[in-house]
């Protein structure tokens, strides 16, 4: 009887730890990966609403930008894809705990159209690092923090390699 009780208690503890804040951290990681693989790399902006909450809150740590709503992503992506039609993100690291997922990415792409007031010059983004922290609730991203290597981003776009 004691062994049964111990096994049941252990199962409940492990299950509770896996579903911190009512969510499984592995599922949260998969949701964040889906954003980079399907939305960015496959250029499928039509699924943004299935990944991001309509009241999503963005915090740009690199430039102080703030934004609210999944529409900020949906409105930015066409401009981003036009400027970098071959953009591809590689996930270098992904760490999750409780309701947060931290992801380190490397971006590669060619600057083909104007973006941020910078005219295109076919400059290459090679392994440009970017860090994201996402908070998820009910299997949707509700808040995100972004840190882009702005120095190298603008340096490369201006052709200063």
Protein backbone atom coordinates (compact mmCIF):
# COMPACT_ATOMS: atom_id res chain seq x y z
CA UNK A 1 0.00 0.00 0.00
CA UNK A 2 2.81 2.39 0.88
CA UNK A 3 4.53 1.75 -2.43
CA UNK A 4 1.30 2.48 -4.33
CA UNK A 5 0.83 5.72 -2.42
CA UNK A 6 4.46 6.69 -3.05
CA UNK A 7 4.12 5.97 -6.78
CA UNK A 8 0.88 7.96 -7.05
CA UNK A 9 2.37 10.87 -5.11
CA UNK A 10 5.48 10.86 -7.33
CA UNK A 11 3.32 10.81 -10.47
CA UNK A 12 1.26 13.77 -9.22
CA UNK A 13 4.40 15.78 -8.37
CA UNK A 14 6.05 15.10 -11.73
CA UNK A 15 2.81 15.89 -13.59
CA UNK A 16 2.40 19.15 -11.65
CA UNK A 17 6.00 20.16 -12.41
CA UNK A 18 5.55 19.46 -16.11
CA UNK A 19 2.40 21.55 -16.25
CA UNK A 20 3.64 24.66 -14.48
CA UNK A 21 1.07 27.44 -14.74
CA UNK A 22 -1.24 24.93 -16.39
CA UNK A 23 1.05 24.41 -19.37
CA UNK A 24 3.67 21.91 -20.36
CA UNK A 25 7.05 23.57 -21.03
CA UNK A 26 7.69 21.22 -23.96
CA UNK A 27 4.43 22.33 -25.58
CA UNK A 28 5.41 25.98 -25.00
CA UNK A 29 8.76 25.36 -26.69
CA UNK A 30 6.98 23.75 -29.65
CA UNK A 31 4.68 26.78 -30.00
CA UNK A 32 7.65 29.16 -30.08
CA UNK A 33 9.53 26.93 -32.54
CA UNK A 34 6.44 26.91 -34.75
CA UNK A 35 6.63 30.70 -35.00
CA UNK A 36 10.17 30.60 -36.37
CA UNK A 37 9.77 27.52 -38.57
CA UNK A 38 6.31 28.06 -40.04
CA UNK A 39 5.70 31.80 -39.82
CA UNK A 40 9.20 33.18 -40.49
CA UNK A 41 11.07 30.50 -42.43
CA UNK A 42 8.04 29.29 -44.41
CA UNK A 43 6.59 32.83 -44.64
CA UNK A 44 3.18 31.76 -43.41
CA UNK A 45 1.84 34.85 -41.62
CA UNK A 46 -1.70 33.45 -41.82
CA UNK A 47 -1.12 31.38 -38.66
CA UNK A 48 0.03 34.26 -36.42
CA UNK A 49 -3.33 34.33 -34.60
CA UNK A 50 -3.00 30.66 -33.70
CA UNK A 51 0.36 31.36 -32.00
CA UNK A 52 -0.02 34.86 -30.54
CA UNK A 53 -2.76 36.15 -28.27
CA UNK A 54 -4.77 39.03 -29.74
CA UNK A 55 -3.54 41.20 -26.83
CA UNK A 56 0.12 40.22 -27.27
CA UNK A 57 2.52 42.73 -25.69
CA UNK A 58 5.89 43.38 -27.40
CA UNK A 59 8.92 44.89 -25.65
CA UNK A 60 11.90 45.79 -27.84
CA UNK A 61 14.83 45.73 -25.43
CA UNK A 62 17.22 46.86 -28.15
CA UNK A 63 15.37 49.97 -29.31
CA UNK A 64 12.82 50.65 -26.58
CA UNK A 65 9.91 49.88 -28.88
CA UNK A 66 6.62 48.76 -27.40
CA UNK A 67 3.55 47.39 -29.08
CA UNK A 68 0.30 45.70 -28.27
CA UNK A 69 -1.76 43.22 -30.23
CA UNK A 70 -0.97 40.43 -32.65
CA UNK A 71 -1.67 42.89 -35.48
CA UNK A 72 1.75 44.47 -34.94
CA UNK A 73 3.30 41.17 -36.02
CA UNK A 74 0.89 40.64 -38.91
CA UNK A 75 1.49 44.19 -40.17
CA UNK A 76 5.29 43.96 -39.88
CA UNK A 77 5.82 40.56 -41.50
CA UNK A 78 4.92 41.51 -45.12
CA UNK A 79 7.38 44.43 -44.95
CA UNK A 80 10.01 42.18 -43.38
CA UNK A 81 9.54 39.41 -45.95
CA UNK A 82 9.69 41.94 -48.79
CA UNK A 83 12.92 43.43 -47.44
CA UNK A 84 14.47 40.00 -46.79
CA UNK A 85 12.76 37.51 -49.14
CA UNK A 86 15.25 34.76 -48.26
CA UNK A 87 15.25 35.37 -44.49
CA UNK A 88 15.89 32.22 -42.50
CA UNK A 89 16.16 31.83 -38.74
CA UNK A 90 18.12 29.01 -37.16
CA UNK A 91 17.39 28.19 -33.55
CA UNK A 92 20.66 27.95 -31.65
CA UNK A 93 19.29 27.40 -28.15
CA UNK A 94 15.90 27.14 -26.52
CA UNK A 95 15.27 27.10 -22.78
CA UNK A 96 11.89 26.92 -21.07
CA UNK A 97 10.71 27.12 -17.51
CA UNK A 98 7.22 27.60 -16.15
CA UNK A 99 5.44 30.02 -18.53
CA UNK A 100 8.52 31.43 -20.30
CA UNK A 101 10.56 30.33 -23.31
CA UNK A 102 13.94 31.88 -24.12
CA UNK A 103 15.29 31.36 -27.61
CA UNK A 104 18.59 32.34 -29.23
CA UNK A 105 18.39 32.58 -33.00
CA UNK A 106 20.71 33.31 -35.91
CA UNK A 107 19.25 35.12 -38.90
CA UNK A 108 20.49 34.92 -42.47
CA UNK A 109 19.06 36.86 -45.37
CA UNK A 110 19.66 39.33 -48.19
CA UNK A 111 18.48 42.95 -48.03
CA UNK A 112 16.37 43.42 -51.19
CA UNK A 113 13.89 46.23 -50.35
CA UNK A 114 13.94 49.32 -48.16
CA UNK A 115 13.42 48.77 -44.46
CA UNK A 116 13.82 51.15 -41.54
CA UNK A 117 14.64 53.89 -44.06
CA UNK A 118 17.66 52.02 -45.42
CA UNK A 119 17.77 51.43 -49.17
CA UNK A 120 18.56 47.90 -50.33
CA UNK A 121 22.08 47.05 -51.40
CA UNK A 122 21.99 43.23 -51.38
CA UNK A 123 23.79 43.25 -48.03
CA UNK A 124 23.86 39.87 -46.30
CA UNK A 125 22.80 39.19 -42.76
CA UNK A 126 25.00 36.29 -41.80
CA UNK A 127 24.39 34.67 -38.42
CA UNK A 128 22.93 37.83 -36.95
CA UNK A 129 22.03 36.99 -33.36
CA UNK A 130 18.70 37.73 -31.77
CA UNK A 131 17.33 36.70 -28.38
CA UNK A 132 13.64 36.38 -27.61
CA UNK A 133 11.87 35.78 -24.34
CA UNK A 134 8.24 34.74 -24.68
CA UNK A 135 5.61 34.34 -21.97
CA UNK A 136 2.74 32.00 -22.79
CA UNK A 137 -0.71 31.60 -21.31
CA UNK A 138 -3.28 29.08 -22.50
CA UNK A 139 -0.89 27.89 -25.22
CA UNK A 140 -0.52 31.31 -26.84
CA UNK A 141 2.29 33.84 -26.69
CA UNK A 142 0.99 36.76 -24.63
CA UNK A 143 4.17 38.76 -24.10
CA UNK A 144 7.56 38.96 -25.72
CA UNK A 145 10.90 40.65 -25.26
CA UNK A 146 13.33 40.97 -28.17
CA UNK A 147 17.05 41.77 -28.18
CA UNK A 148 18.57 42.15 -31.63
CA UNK A 149 22.23 42.84 -32.32
CA UNK A 150 21.30 46.29 -33.69
CA UNK A 151 24.90 47.39 -34.08
CA UNK A 152 25.74 44.61 -36.53
CA UNK A 153 22.28 44.71 -38.12
CA UNK A 154 22.59 48.35 -39.21
CA UNK A 155 26.29 48.01 -39.94
CA UNK A 156 25.60 45.16 -42.37
CA UNK A 157 22.62 46.88 -44.00
CA UNK A 158 24.73 49.96 -44.64
CA UNK A 159 27.43 47.81 -46.22
CA UNK A 160 30.02 48.42 -43.52
CA UNK A 161 30.50 44.65 -42.98
